[in-house]
């Protein structure tokens, strides 16, 4: 669990808007898992304090702002994940196609990394 949190904080602190390079499966899925867990915790707290007006309002704002602040690092990580399998970053846009696009992106994201260097390798 500590490795996942370290991975998450590393991406937020050092790779927030880094669209160059590659990200392996572990880095991608660990980040998404921590992101989902944080969202679930925020939702549970929002439900628990919903009756208390000021706390409910504060957690509602946090529950809205958190995913918005994570949009850029999630997008950058997704682009780097596509680079890792040898695809261009534009493949992230396939998510804009309802249902099928998300399924196709999931299939792409589950693929293994290219074992050799590819055109997206960069020094970080």
PDB file of N, CA and C in Angstrom:
ATOM      1  N   UNK A   1       0.826  -1.195   0.000  1.00  0.00           N
ATOM      2  CA  UNK A   1       0.000   0.000   0.000  1.00  0.00           C
ATOM      3  C   UNK A   1       0.866   1.254   0.000  1.00  0.00           C
ATOM      4  N   UNK A   2       1.962   1.204   0.750  1.00  0.00           N
ATOM      5  CA  UNK A   2       2.866   2.353   0.818  1.00  0.00           C
ATOM      6  C   UNK A   2       3.469   2.655  -0.547  1.00  0.00           C
ATOM      7  N   UNK A   3       3.759   1.607  -1.327  1.00  0.00           N
ATOM      8  CA  UNK A   3       4.314   1.788  -2.671  1.00  0.00           C
ATOM      9  C   UNK A   3       3.325   2.518  -3.583  1.00  0.00           C
ATOM     10  N   UNK A   4       2.036   2.182  -3.446  1.00  0.00           N
ATOM     11  CA  UNK A   4       1.016   2.841  -4.259  1.00  0.00           C
ATOM     12  C   UNK A   4       0.898   4.320  -3.911  1.00  0.00           C
ATOM     13  N   UNK A   5       0.938   4.625  -2.630  1.00  0.00           N
ATOM     14  CA  UNK A   5       0.845   6.026  -2.195  1.00  0.00           C
ATOM     15  C   UNK A   5       2.088   6.790  -2.638  1.00  0.00           C
ATOM     16  N   UNK A   6       3.264   6.157  -2.530  1.00  0.00           N
ATOM     17  CA  UNK A   6       4.499   6.797  -3.003  1.00  0.00           C
ATOM     18  C   UNK A   6       4.432   7.071  -4.502  1.00  0.00           C
ATOM     19  N   UNK A   7       3.917   6.117  -5.264  1.00  0.00           N
ATOM     20  CA  UNK A   7       3.750   6.282  -6.703  1.00  0.00           C
ATOM     21  C   UNK A   7       2.813   7.451  -6.989  1.00  0.00           C
ATOM     22  N   UNK A   8       1.704   7.511  -6.273  1.00  0.00           N
ATOM     23  CA  UNK A   8       0.712   8.575  -6.459  1.00  0.00           C
ATOM     24  C   UNK A   8       1.331   9.946  -6.170  1.00  0.00           C
ATOM     25  N   UNK A   9       2.001  10.060  -5.033  1.00  0.00           N
ATOM     26  CA  UNK A   9       2.601  11.354  -4.673  1.00  0.00           C
ATOM     27  C   UNK A   9       3.733  11.726  -5.624  1.00  0.00           C
ATOM     28  N   UNK A  10       4.472  10.741  -6.120  1.00  0.00           N
ATOM     29  CA  UNK A  10       5.534  11.018  -7.096  1.00  0.00           C
ATOM     30  C   UNK A  10       4.950  11.599  -8.379  1.00  0.00           C
ATOM     31  N   UNK A  11       3.851  11.032  -8.842  1.00  0.00           N
ATOM     32  CA  UNK A  11       3.220  11.538 -10.065  1.00  0.00           C
ATOM     33  C   UNK A  11       2.705  12.959  -9.842  1.00  0.00           C
ATOM     34  N   UNK A  12       2.071  13.205  -8.703  1.00  0.00           N
ATOM     35  CA  UNK A  12       1.536  14.536  -8.412  1.00  0.00           C
ATOM     36  C   UNK A  12       2.664  15.546  -8.267  1.00  0.00           C
ATOM     37  N   UNK A  13       3.731  15.169  -7.572  1.00  0.00           N
ATOM     38  CA  UNK A  13       4.821  16.116  -7.277  1.00  0.00           C
ATOM     39  C   UNK A  13       5.780  16.315  -8.444  1.00  0.00           C
ATOM     40  N   UNK A  14       6.083  15.247  -9.175  1.00  0.00           N
ATOM     41  CA  UNK A  14       7.153  15.328 -10.173  1.00  0.00           C
ATOM     42  C   UNK A  14       6.707  15.188 -11.626  1.00  0.00           C
ATOM     43  N   UNK A  15       5.527  14.645 -11.857  1.00  0.00           N
ATOM     44  CA  UNK A  15       5.086  14.387 -13.232  1.00  0.00           C
ATOM     45  C   UNK A  15       3.692  14.945 -13.488  1.00  0.00           C
ATOM     46  N   UNK A  16       3.322  16.008 -12.804  1.00  0.00           N
ATOM     47  CA  UNK A  16       1.957  16.533 -12.836  1.00  0.00           C
ATOM     48  C   UNK A  16       1.459  16.735 -14.267  1.00  0.00           C
ATOM     49  N   UNK A  17       2.246  17.385 -15.097  1.00  0.00           N
ATOM     50  CA  UNK A  17       1.830  17.671 -16.475  1.00  0.00           C
ATOM     51  C   UNK A  17       2.880  17.185 -17.467  1.00  0.00           C
ATOM     52  N   UNK A  18       3.533  16.084 -17.152  1.00  0.00           N
ATOM     53  CA  UNK A  18       4.574  15.527 -18.017  1.00  0.00           C
ATOM     54  C   UNK A  18       3.934  14.584 -19.034  1.00  0.00           C
ATOM     55  N   UNK A  19       3.915  15.022 -20.288  1.00  0.00           N
ATOM     56  CA  UNK A  19       3.293  14.231 -21.349  1.00  0.00           C
ATOM     57  C   UNK A  19       4.333  13.458 -22.159  1.00  0.00           C
ATOM     58  N   UNK A  20       5.612  13.626 -21.844  1.00  0.00           N
ATOM     59  CA  UNK A  20       6.674  12.920 -22.562  1.00  0.00           C
ATOM     60  C   UNK A  20       7.075  11.681 -21.768  1.00  0.00           C
ATOM     61  N   UNK A  21       7.620  10.708 -22.476  1.00  0.00           N
ATOM     62  CA  UNK A  21       8.113   9.517 -21.817  1.00  0.00           C
ATOM     63  C   UNK A  21       7.075   8.411 -21.755  1.00  0.00           C
ATOM     64  N   UNK A  22       7.348   7.453 -20.871  1.00  0.00           N
ATOM     65  CA  UNK A  22       6.525   6.256 -20.778  1.00  0.00           C
ATOM     66  C   UNK A  22       6.138   5.995 -19.325  1.00  0.00           C
ATOM     67  N   UNK A  23       4.996   5.325 -19.142  1.00  0.00           N
ATOM     68  CA  UNK A  23       4.558   4.874 -17.816  1.00  0.00           C
ATOM     69  C   UNK A  23       4.113   3.429 -17.929  1.00  0.00           C
ATOM     70  N   UNK A  24       4.661   2.603 -17.094  1.00  0.00           N
ATOM     71  CA  UNK A  24       4.321   1.187 -17.106  1.00  0.00           C
ATOM     72  C   UNK A  24       2.944   0.913 -16.519  1.00  0.00           C
ATOM     73  N   UNK A  25       2.534  -0.343 -16.653  1.00  0.00           N
ATOM     74  CA  UNK A  25       1.216  -0.738 -16.146  1.00  0.00           C
ATOM     75  C   UNK A  25       1.084  -0.497 -14.650  1.00  0.00           C
ATOM     76  N   UNK A  26       2.103  -0.857 -13.899  1.00  0.00           N
ATOM     77  CA  UNK A  26       2.019  -0.723 -12.441  1.00  0.00           C
ATOM     78  C   UNK A  26       1.825   0.736 -12.040  1.00  0.00           C
ATOM     79  N   UNK A  27       2.600   1.632 -12.629  1.00  0.00           N
ATOM     80  CA  UNK A  27       2.480   3.052 -12.302  1.00  0.00           C
ATOM     81  C   UNK A  27       1.075   3.562 -12.631  1.00  0.00           C
ATOM     82  N   UNK A  28       0.565   3.194 -13.787  1.00  0.00           N
ATOM     83  CA  UNK A  28      -0.752   3.636 -14.240  1.00  0.00           C
ATOM     84  C   UNK A  28      -1.861   3.133 -13.321  1.00  0.00           C
ATOM     85  N   UNK A  29      -1.891   1.827 -13.066  1.00  0.00           N
ATOM     86  CA  UNK A  29      -2.989   1.236 -12.302  1.00  0.00           C
ATOM     87  C   UNK A  29      -2.898   1.587 -10.828  1.00  0.00           C
ATOM     88  N   UNK A  30      -1.691   1.714 -10.276  1.00  0.00           N
ATOM     89  CA  UNK A  30      -1.567   2.126  -8.881  1.00  0.00           C
ATOM     90  C   UNK A  30      -2.092   3.543  -8.685  1.00  0.00           C
ATOM     91  N   UNK A  31      -1.765   4.428  -9.610  1.00  0.00           N
ATOM     92  CA  UNK A  31      -2.265   5.802  -9.531  1.00  0.00           C
ATOM     93  C   UNK A  31      -3.789   5.809  -9.566  1.00  0.00           C
ATOM     94  N   UNK A  32      -4.380   5.088 -10.521  1.00  0.00           N
ATOM     95  CA  UNK A  32      -5.836   5.063 -10.635  1.00  0.00           C
ATOM     96  C   UNK A  32      -6.499   4.447  -9.401  1.00  0.00           C
ATOM     97  N   UNK A  33      -5.891   3.424  -8.834  1.00  0.00           N
ATOM     98  CA  UNK A  33      -6.459   2.799  -7.647  1.00  0.00           C
ATOM     99  C   UNK A  33      -6.485   3.772  -6.467  1.00  0.00           C
ATOM    100  N   UNK A  34      -5.392   4.490  -6.239  1.00  0.00           N
ATOM    101  CA  UNK A  34      -5.352   5.469  -5.148  1.00  0.00           C
ATOM    102  C   UNK A  34      -6.352   6.586  -5.426  1.00  0.00           C
ATOM    103  N   UNK A  35      -6.444   7.035  -6.665  1.00  0.00           N
ATOM    104  CA  UNK A  35      -7.402   8.075  -7.046  1.00  0.00           C
ATOM    105  C   UNK A  35      -8.837   7.629  -6.733  1.00  0.00           C
ATOM    106  N   UNK A  36      -9.172   6.398  -7.077  1.00  0.00           N
ATOM    107  CA  UNK A  36     -10.508   5.863  -6.823  1.00  0.00           C
ATOM    108  C   UNK A  36     -10.762   5.738  -5.320  1.00  0.00           C
ATOM    109  N   UNK A  37      -9.774   5.266  -4.573  1.00  0.00           N
ATOM    110  CA  UNK A  37      -9.932   5.124  -3.123  1.00  0.00           C
ATOM    111  C   UNK A  37     -10.176   6.486  -2.473  1.00  0.00           C
ATOM    112  N   UNK A  38      -9.421   7.502  -2.889  1.00  0.00           N
ATOM    113  CA  UNK A  38      -9.620   8.845  -2.336  1.00  0.00           C
ATOM    114  C   UNK A  38     -11.021   9.347  -2.666  1.00  0.00           C
ATOM    115  N   UNK A  39     -11.477   9.133  -3.890  1.00  0.00           N
ATOM    116  CA  UNK A  39     -12.839   9.539  -4.262  1.00  0.00           C
ATOM    117  C   UNK A  39     -13.891   8.820  -3.428  1.00  0.00           C
ATOM    118  N   UNK A  40     -13.696   7.524  -3.186  1.00  0.00           N
ATOM    119  CA  UNK A  40     -14.644   6.770  -2.362  1.00  0.00           C
ATOM    120  C   UNK A  40     -14.677   7.296  -0.931  1.00  0.00           C
ATOM    121  N   UNK A  41     -13.510   7.571  -0.383  1.00  0.00           N
ATOM    122  CA  UNK A  41     -13.443   8.112   0.978  1.00  0.00           C
ATOM    123  C   UNK A  41     -14.153   9.453   1.059  1.00  0.00           C
ATOM    124  N   UNK A  42     -13.918  10.311   0.074  1.00  0.00           N
ATOM    125  CA  UNK A  42     -14.599  11.607   0.047  1.00  0.00           C
ATOM    126  C   UNK A  42     -16.119  11.428  -0.057  1.00  0.00           C
ATOM    127  N   UNK A  43     -16.565  10.480  -0.843  1.00  0.00           N
ATOM    128  CA  UNK A  43     -18.003  10.218  -0.982  1.00  0.00           C
ATOM    129  C   UNK A  43     -18.604   9.724   0.324  1.00  0.00           C
ATOM    130  N   UNK A  44     -17.898   8.833   1.001  1.00  0.00           N
ATOM    131  CA  UNK A  44     -18.383   8.300   2.281  1.00  0.00           C
ATOM    132  C   UNK A  44     -18.472   9.419   3.314  1.00  0.00           C
ATOM    133  N   UNK A  45     -17.434  10.251   3.382  1.00  0.00           N
ATOM    134  CA  UNK A  45     -17.452  11.365   4.331  1.00  0.00           C
ATOM    135  C   UNK A  45     -18.573  12.330   3.984  1.00  0.00           C
ATOM    136  N   UNK A  46     -18.771  12.602   2.699  1.00  0.00           N
ATOM    137  CA  UNK A  46     -19.841  13.507   2.277  1.00  0.00           C
ATOM    138  C   UNK A  46     -21.207  12.968   2.711  1.00  0.00           C
ATOM    139  N   UNK A  47     -21.425  11.662   2.544  1.00  0.00           N
ATOM    140  CA  UNK A  47     -22.685  11.051   2.985  1.00  0.00           C
ATOM    141  C   UNK A  47     -22.839  11.159   4.503  1.00  0.00           C
ATOM    142  N   UNK A  48     -21.729  10.922   5.230  1.00  0.00           N
ATOM    143  CA  UNK A  48     -21.779  10.914   6.689  1.00  0.00           C
ATOM    144  C   UNK A  48     -22.061  12.305   7.267  1.00  0.00           C
ATOM    145  N   UNK A  49     -21.510  13.345   6.667  1.00  0.00           N
ATOM    146  CA  UNK A  49     -21.673  14.696   7.205  1.00  0.00           C
ATOM    147  C   UNK A  49     -22.675  15.509   6.401  1.00  0.00           C
ATOM    148  N   UNK A  50     -23.396  14.874   5.534  1.00  0.00           N
ATOM    149  CA  UNK A  50     -24.348  15.578   4.672  1.00  0.00           C
ATOM    150  C   UNK A  50     -25.395  16.359   5.428  1.00  0.00           C
ATOM    151  N   UNK A  51     -25.786  15.871   6.617  1.00  0.00           N
ATOM    152  CA  UNK A  51     -26.801  16.552   7.400  1.00  0.00           C
ATOM    153  C   UNK A  51     -26.287  17.813   8.087  1.00  0.00           C
ATOM    154  N   UNK A  52     -24.987  17.900   8.264  1.00  0.00           N
ATOM    155  CA  UNK A  52     -24.386  19.079   8.896  1.00  0.00           C
ATOM    156  C   UNK A  52     -24.068  20.061   7.772  1.00  0.00           C
ATOM    157  N   UNK A  53     -24.785  21.142   7.731  1.00  0.00           N
ATOM    158  CA  UNK A  53     -24.753  22.023   6.567  1.00  0.00           C
ATOM    159  C   UNK A  53     -23.357  22.488   6.174  1.00  0.00           C
ATOM    160  N   UNK A  54     -22.589  23.063   7.087  1.00  0.00           N
ATOM    161  CA  UNK A  54     -21.290  23.634   6.709  1.00  0.00           C
ATOM    162  C   UNK A  54     -20.296  22.534   6.333  1.00  0.00           C
ATOM    163  N   UNK A  55     -20.251  21.439   7.105  1.00  0.00           N
ATOM    164  CA  UNK A  55     -19.346  20.327   6.764  1.00  0.00           C
ATOM    165  C   UNK A  55     -19.759  19.677   5.447  1.00  0.00           C
ATOM    166  N   UNK A  56     -21.057  19.504   5.258  1.00  0.00           N
ATOM    167  CA  UNK A  56     -21.540  18.933   4.003  1.00  0.00           C
ATOM    168  C   UNK A  56     -21.151  19.790   2.817  1.00  0.00           C
ATOM    169  N   UNK A  57     -21.258  21.097   2.983  1.00  0.00           N
ATOM    170  CA  UNK A  57     -20.879  22.025   1.908  1.00  0.00           C
ATOM    171  C   UNK A  57     -19.391  21.957   1.623  1.00  0.00           C
ATOM    172  N   UNK A  58     -18.573  21.931   2.686  1.00  0.00           N
ATOM    173  CA  UNK A  58     -17.110  21.868   2.514  1.00  0.00           C
ATOM    174  C   UNK A  58     -16.723  20.584   1.784  1.00  0.00           C
ATOM    175  N   UNK A  59     -17.260  19.452   2.218  1.00  0.00           N
ATOM    176  CA  UNK A  59     -16.900  18.188   1.572  1.00  0.00           C
ATOM    177  C   UNK A  59     -17.479  18.073   0.168  1.00  0.00           C
ATOM    178  N   UNK A  60     -18.591  18.729  -0.094  1.00  0.00           N
ATOM    179  CA  UNK A  60     -19.124  18.753  -1.450  1.00  0.00           C
ATOM    180  C   UNK A  60     -18.161  19.507  -2.370  1.00  0.00           C
ATOM    181  N   UNK A  61     -17.650  20.644  -1.904  1.00  0.00           N
ATOM    182  CA  UNK A  61     -16.684  21.421  -2.691  1.00  0.00           C
ATOM    183  C   UNK A  61     -15.406  20.615  -2.921  1.00  0.00           C
ATOM    184  N   UNK A  62     -14.905  19.968  -1.874  1.00  0.00           N
ATOM    185  CA  UNK A  62     -13.694  19.142  -2.005  1.00  0.00           C
ATOM    186  C   UNK A  62     -13.939  17.989  -2.967  1.00  0.00           C
ATOM    187  N   UNK A  63     -15.118  17.369  -2.883  1.00  0.00           N
ATOM    188  CA  UNK A  63     -15.451  16.245  -3.769  1.00  0.00           C
ATOM    189  C   UNK A  63     -15.546  16.672  -5.228  1.00  0.00           C
ATOM    190  N   UNK A  64     -15.844  17.940  -5.461  1.00  0.00           N
ATOM    191  CA  UNK A  64     -15.894  18.461  -6.830  1.00  0.00           C
ATOM    192  C   UNK A  64     -14.504  18.886  -7.294  1.00  0.00           C
ATOM    193  N   UNK A  65     -13.759  19.558  -6.430  1.00  0.00           N
ATOM    194  CA  UNK A  65     -12.443  20.096  -6.820  1.00  0.00           C
ATOM    195  C   UNK A  65     -11.377  19.018  -6.967  1.00  0.00           C
ATOM    196  N   UNK A  66     -11.433  17.973  -6.145  1.00  0.00           N
ATOM    197  CA  UNK A  66     -10.399  16.941  -6.206  1.00  0.00           C
ATOM    198  C   UNK A  66     -10.283  16.305  -7.597  1.00  0.00           C
ATOM    199  N   UNK A  67     -11.373  15.794  -8.188  1.00  0.00           N
ATOM    200  CA  UNK A  67     -11.229  15.219  -9.536  1.00  0.00           C
ATOM    201  C   UNK A  67     -10.793  16.256 -10.584  1.00  0.00           C
ATOM    202  N   UNK A  68     -11.227  17.496 -10.406  1.00  0.00           N
ATOM    203  CA  UNK A  68     -10.814  18.533 -11.361  1.00  0.00           C
ATOM    204  C   UNK A  68      -9.314  18.790 -11.298  1.00  0.00           C
ATOM    205  N   UNK A  69      -8.756  18.800 -10.089  1.00  0.00           N
ATOM    206  CA  UNK A  69      -7.310  19.019  -9.962  1.00  0.00           C
ATOM    207  C   UNK A  69      -6.510  17.818 -10.449  1.00  0.00           C
ATOM    208  N   UNK A  70      -7.129  16.646 -10.483  1.00  0.00           N
ATOM    209  CA  UNK A  70      -6.441  15.437 -10.934  1.00  0.00           C
ATOM    210  C   UNK A  70      -6.594  15.190 -12.432  1.00  0.00           C
ATOM    211  N   UNK A  71      -7.324  16.047 -13.131  1.00  0.00           N
ATOM    212  CA  UNK A  71      -7.552  15.835 -14.561  1.00  0.00           C
ATOM    213  C   UNK A  71      -6.242  15.859 -15.356  1.00  0.00           C
ATOM    214  N   UNK A  72      -5.428  16.881 -15.156  1.00  0.00           N
ATOM    215  CA  UNK A  72      -4.176  17.007 -15.921  1.00  0.00           C
ATOM    216  C   UNK A  72      -3.217  15.857 -15.621  1.00  0.00           C
ATOM    217  N   UNK A  73      -2.934  15.521 -14.340  1.00  0.00           N
ATOM    218  CA  UNK A  73      -2.016  14.395 -14.131  1.00  0.00           C
ATOM    219  C   UNK A  73      -2.559  13.063 -14.637  1.00  0.00           C
ATOM    220  N   UNK A  74      -3.868  12.865 -14.575  1.00  0.00           N
ATOM    221  CA  UNK A  74      -4.457  11.626 -15.090  1.00  0.00           C
ATOM    222  C   UNK A  74      -4.347  11.572 -16.606  1.00  0.00           C
ATOM    223  N   UNK A  75      -4.576  12.697 -17.258  1.00  0.00           N
ATOM    224  CA  UNK A  75      -4.436  12.767 -18.712  1.00  0.00           C
ATOM    225  C   UNK A  75      -2.985  12.531 -19.123  1.00  0.00           C
ATOM    226  N   UNK A  76      -2.055  13.186 -18.430  1.00  0.00           N
ATOM    227  CA  UNK A  76      -0.628  13.018 -18.741  1.00  0.00           C
ATOM    228  C   UNK A  76      -0.194  11.574 -18.525  1.00  0.00           C
ATOM    229  N   UNK A  77      -0.638  10.971 -17.436  1.00  0.00           N
ATOM    230  CA  UNK A  77      -0.303   9.575 -17.157  1.00  0.00           C
ATOM    231  C   UNK A  77      -0.877   8.657 -18.228  1.00  0.00           C
ATOM    232  N   UNK A  78      -2.090   8.928 -18.669  1.00  0.00           N
ATOM    233  CA  UNK A  78      -2.719   8.113 -19.718  1.00  0.00           C
ATOM    234  C   UNK A  78      -1.953   8.231 -21.035  1.00  0.00           C
ATOM    235  N   UNK A  79      -1.501   9.430 -21.362  1.00  0.00           N
ATOM    236  CA  UNK A  79      -0.700   9.628 -22.582  1.00  0.00           C
ATOM    237  C   UNK A  79       0.606   8.854 -22.461  1.00  0.00           C
ATOM    238  N   UNK A  80       1.269   8.942 -21.305  1.00  0.00           N
ATOM    239  CA  UNK A  80       2.526   8.199 -21.122  1.00  0.00           C
ATOM    240  C   UNK A  80       2.283   6.690 -21.164  1.00  0.00           C
ATOM    241  N   UNK A  81       1.116   6.247 -20.696  1.00  0.00           N
ATOM    242  CA  UNK A  81       0.791   4.817 -20.763  1.00  0.00           C
ATOM    243  C   UNK A  81       0.644   4.374 -22.219  1.00  0.00           C
ATOM    244  N   UNK A  82       0.014   5.201 -23.038  1.00  0.00           N
ATOM    245  CA  UNK A  82      -0.105   4.883 -24.461  1.00  0.00           C
ATOM    246  C   UNK A  82       1.279   4.853 -25.112  1.00  0.00           C
ATOM    247  N   UNK A  83       2.142   5.774 -24.718  1.00  0.00           N
ATOM    248  CA  UNK A  83       3.510   5.776 -25.237  1.00  0.00           C
ATOM    249  C   UNK A  83       4.220   4.469 -24.888  1.00  0.00           C
ATOM    250  N   UNK A  84       3.948   3.950 -23.695  1.00  0.00           N
ATOM    251  CA  UNK A  84       4.622   2.734 -23.243  1.00  0.00           C
ATOM    252  C   UNK A  84       4.272   1.523 -24.101  1.00  0.00           C
ATOM    253  N   UNK A  85       3.095   1.540 -24.706  1.00  0.00           N
ATOM    254  CA  UNK A  85       2.717   0.408 -25.565  1.00  0.00           C
ATOM    255  C   UNK A  85       2.957   0.720 -27.039  1.00  0.00           C
ATOM    256  N   UNK A  86       3.591   1.869 -27.292  1.00  0.00           N
ATOM    257  CA  UNK A  86       3.954   2.218 -28.663  1.00  0.00           C
ATOM    258  C   UNK A  86       2.902   2.997 -29.421  1.00  0.00           C
ATOM    259  N   UNK A  87       1.879   3.482 -28.746  1.00  0.00           N
ATOM    260  CA  UNK A  87       0.815   4.260 -29.386  1.00  0.00           C
ATOM    261  C   UNK A  87       1.035   5.743 -29.106  1.00  0.00           C
ATOM    262  N   UNK A  88       0.525   6.576 -29.981  1.00  0.00           N
ATOM    263  CA  UNK A  88       0.586   8.012 -29.774  1.00  0.00           C
ATOM    264  C   UNK A  88      -0.381   8.437 -28.677  1.00  0.00           C
ATOM    265  N   UNK A  89      -0.107   9.586 -28.081  1.00  0.00           N
ATOM    266  CA  UNK A  89      -0.945  10.090 -27.002  1.00  0.00           C
ATOM    267  C   UNK A  89      -2.368  10.388 -27.421  1.00  0.00           C
ATOM    268  N   UNK A  90      -2.602  10.603 -28.704  1.00  0.00           N
ATOM    269  CA  UNK A  90      -3.942  10.869 -29.197  1.00  0.00           C
ATOM    270  C   UNK A  90      -4.914   9.734 -28.963  1.00  0.00           C
ATOM    271  N   UNK A  91      -4.409   8.538 -28.701  1.00  0.00           N
ATOM    272  CA  UNK A  91      -5.280   7.402 -28.431  1.00  0.00           C
ATOM    273  C   UNK A  91      -6.105   7.605 -27.162  1.00  0.00           C
ATOM    274  N   UNK A  92      -5.691   8.519 -26.304  1.00  0.00           N
ATOM    275  CA  UNK A  92      -6.470   8.820 -25.100  1.00  0.00           C
ATOM    276  C   UNK A  92      -7.842   9.374 -25.494  1.00  0.00           C
ATOM    277  N   UNK A  93      -7.892  10.064 -26.616  1.00  0.00           N
ATOM    278  CA  UNK A  93      -9.154  10.661 -27.064  1.00  0.00           C
ATOM    279  C   UNK A  93     -10.211   9.631 -27.434  1.00  0.00           C
ATOM    280  N   UNK A  94      -9.810   8.371 -27.562  1.00  0.00           N
ATOM    281  CA  UNK A  94     -10.794   7.333 -27.863  1.00  0.00           C
ATOM    282  C   UNK A  94     -11.829   7.225 -26.741  1.00  0.00           C
ATOM    283  N   UNK A  95     -11.464   7.710 -25.548  1.00  0.00           N
ATOM    284  CA  UNK A  95     -12.409   7.722 -24.430  1.00  0.00           C
ATOM    285  C   UNK A  95     -13.618   8.606 -24.696  1.00  0.00           C
ATOM    286  N   UNK A  96     -13.533   9.490 -25.668  1.00  0.00           N
ATOM    287  CA  UNK A  96     -14.651  10.369 -25.985  1.00  0.00           C
ATOM    288  C   UNK A  96     -15.790   9.640 -26.684  1.00  0.00           C
ATOM    289  N   UNK A  97     -15.505   8.462 -27.222  1.00  0.00           N
ATOM    290  CA  UNK A  97     -16.551   7.636 -27.829  1.00  0.00           C
ATOM    291  C   UNK A  97     -17.279   6.927 -26.694  1.00  0.00           C
ATOM    292  N   UNK A  98     -18.578   7.151 -26.547  1.00  0.00           N
ATOM    293  CA  UNK A  98     -19.302   6.546 -25.423  1.00  0.00           C
ATOM    294  C   UNK A  98     -19.169   5.023 -25.397  1.00  0.00           C
ATOM    295  N   UNK A  99     -18.976   4.482 -24.246  1.00  0.00           N
ATOM    296  CA  UNK A  99     -18.882   3.073 -23.894  1.00  0.00           C
ATOM    297  C   UNK A  99     -17.771   2.342 -24.651  1.00  0.00           C
ATOM    298  N   UNK A 100     -17.887   2.208 -25.960  1.00  0.00           N
ATOM    299  CA  UNK A 100     -16.888   1.446 -26.726  1.00  0.00           C
ATOM    300  C   UNK A 100     -15.494   2.063 -26.640  1.00  0.00           C
ATOM    301  N   UNK A 101     -15.424   3.375 -26.617  1.00  0.00           N
ATOM    302  CA  UNK A 101     -14.131   4.045 -26.514  1.00  0.00           C
ATOM    303  C   UNK A 101     -13.450   3.740 -25.196  1.00  0.00           C
ATOM    304  N   UNK A 102     -14.209   3.748 -24.123  1.00  0.00           N
ATOM    305  CA  UNK A 102     -13.645   3.443 -22.806  1.00  0.00           C
ATOM    306  C   UNK A 102     -13.203   1.986 -22.719  1.00  0.00           C
ATOM    307  N   UNK A 103     -13.980   1.103 -23.311  1.00  0.00           N
ATOM    308  CA  UNK A 103     -13.608  -0.312 -23.324  1.00  0.00           C
ATOM    309  C   UNK A 103     -12.322  -0.505 -24.130  1.00  0.00           C
ATOM    310  N   UNK A 104     -12.229   0.150 -25.275  1.00  0.00           N
ATOM    311  CA  UNK A 104     -11.034   0.028 -26.111  1.00  0.00           C
ATOM    312  C   UNK A 104      -9.812   0.588 -25.385  1.00  0.00           C
ATOM    313  N   UNK A 105      -9.976   1.737 -24.716  1.00  0.00           N
ATOM    314  CA  UNK A 105      -8.854   2.317 -23.963  1.00  0.00           C
ATOM    315  C   UNK A 105      -8.425   1.374 -22.843  1.00  0.00           C
ATOM    316  N   UNK A 106      -9.385   0.754 -22.160  1.00  0.00           N
ATOM    317  CA  UNK A 106      -9.063  -0.207 -21.111  1.00  0.00           C
ATOM    318  C   UNK A 106      -8.242  -1.362 -21.667  1.00  0.00           C
ATOM    319  N   UNK A 107      -8.637  -1.860 -22.822  1.00  0.00           N
ATOM    320  CA  UNK A 107      -7.887  -2.952 -23.460  1.00  0.00           C
ATOM    321  C   UNK A 107      -6.461  -2.495 -23.777  1.00  0.00           C
ATOM    322  N   UNK A 108      -6.325  -1.281 -24.298  1.00  0.00           N
ATOM    323  CA  UNK A 108      -4.993  -0.757 -24.594  1.00  0.00           C
ATOM    324  C   UNK A 108      -4.163  -0.606 -23.321  1.00  0.00           C
ATOM    325  N   UNK A 109      -4.782  -0.059 -22.277  1.00  0.00           N
ATOM    326  CA  UNK A 109      -4.058   0.188 -21.028  1.00  0.00           C
ATOM    327  C   UNK A 109      -3.624  -1.108 -20.342  1.00  0.00           C
ATOM    328  N   UNK A 110      -4.325  -2.203 -20.611  1.00  0.00           N
ATOM    329  CA  UNK A 110      -3.981  -3.494 -20.020  1.00  0.00           C
ATOM    330  C   UNK A 110      -2.846  -4.203 -20.749  1.00  0.00           C
ATOM    331  N   UNK A 111      -2.504  -3.727 -21.933  1.00  0.00           N
ATOM    332  CA  UNK A 111      -1.429  -4.363 -22.700  1.00  0.00           C
ATOM    333  C   UNK A 111      -0.091  -4.192 -21.991  1.00  0.00           C
ATOM    334  N   UNK A 112       0.796  -5.136 -22.253  1.00  0.00           N
ATOM    335  CA  UNK A 112       2.131  -5.060 -21.680  1.00  0.00           C
ATOM    336  C   UNK A 112       2.972  -3.998 -22.366  1.00  0.00           C
ATOM    337  N   UNK A 113       3.998  -3.575 -21.675  1.00  0.00           N
ATOM    338  CA  UNK A 113       4.909  -2.570 -22.210  1.00  0.00           C
ATOM    339  C   UNK A 113       5.700  -3.135 -23.378  1.00  0.00           C
ATOM    340  N   UNK A 114       6.115  -2.246 -24.275  1.00  0.00           N
ATOM    341  CA  UNK A 114       7.039  -2.683 -25.319  1.00  0.00           C
ATOM    342  C   UNK A 114       8.374  -2.993 -24.650  1.00  0.00           C
ATOM    343  N   UNK A 115       8.931  -4.163 -24.911  1.00  0.00           N
ATOM    344  CA  UNK A 115      10.152  -4.564 -24.202  1.00  0.00           C
ATOM    345  C   UNK A 115      11.395  -3.782 -24.618  1.00  0.00           C
ATOM    346  N   UNK A 116      11.361  -3.202 -25.791  1.00  0.00           N
ATOM    347  CA  UNK A 116      12.530  -2.456 -26.269  1.00  0.00           C
ATOM    348  C   UNK A 116      12.206  -0.966 -26.301  1.00  0.00           C
ATOM    349  N   UNK A 117      13.236  -0.191 -26.505  1.00  0.00           N
ATOM    350  CA  UNK A 117      13.042   1.256 -26.605  1.00  0.00           C
ATOM    351  C   UNK A 117      12.133   1.563 -27.796  1.00  0.00           C
ATOM    352  N   UNK A 118      11.335   2.615 -27.648  1.00  0.00           N
ATOM    353  CA  UNK A 118      10.498   3.035 -28.761  1.00  0.00           C
ATOM    354  C   UNK A 118      10.655   4.538 -28.972  1.00  0.00           C
ATOM    355  N   UNK A 119       9.897   5.088 -29.879  1.00  0.00           N
ATOM    356  CA  UNK A 119      10.047   6.492 -30.255  1.00  0.00           C
ATOM    357  C   UNK A 119       9.686   7.460 -29.141  1.00  0.00           C
ATOM    358  N   UNK A 120       9.081   6.980 -28.074  1.00  0.00           N
ATOM    359  CA  UNK A 120       8.640   7.861 -26.987  1.00  0.00           C
ATOM    360  C   UNK A 120       9.603   7.868 -25.812  1.00  0.00           C
ATOM    361  N   UNK A 121      10.688   7.097 -25.885  1.00  0.00           N
ATOM    362  CA  UNK A 121      11.655   7.090 -24.789  1.00  0.00           C
ATOM    363  C   UNK A 121      12.336   8.439 -24.697  1.00  0.00           C
ATOM    364  N   UNK A 122      12.371   8.971 -23.496  1.00  0.00           N
ATOM    365  CA  UNK A 122      13.070  10.233 -23.234  1.00  0.00           C
ATOM    366  C   UNK A 122      13.792  10.147 -21.915  1.00  0.00           C
ATOM    367  N   UNK A 123      14.754  10.985 -21.760  1.00  0.00           N
ATOM    368  CA  UNK A 123      15.443  11.104 -20.485  1.00  0.00           C
ATOM    369  C   UNK A 123      14.660  12.060 -19.606  1.00  0.00           C
ATOM    370  N   UNK A 124      14.372  11.648 -18.402  1.00  0.00           N
ATOM    371  CA  UNK A 124      13.601  12.497 -17.482  1.00  0.00           C
ATOM    372  C   UNK A 124      14.534  13.049 -16.427  1.00  0.00           C
TER     373      UNK A 124
END
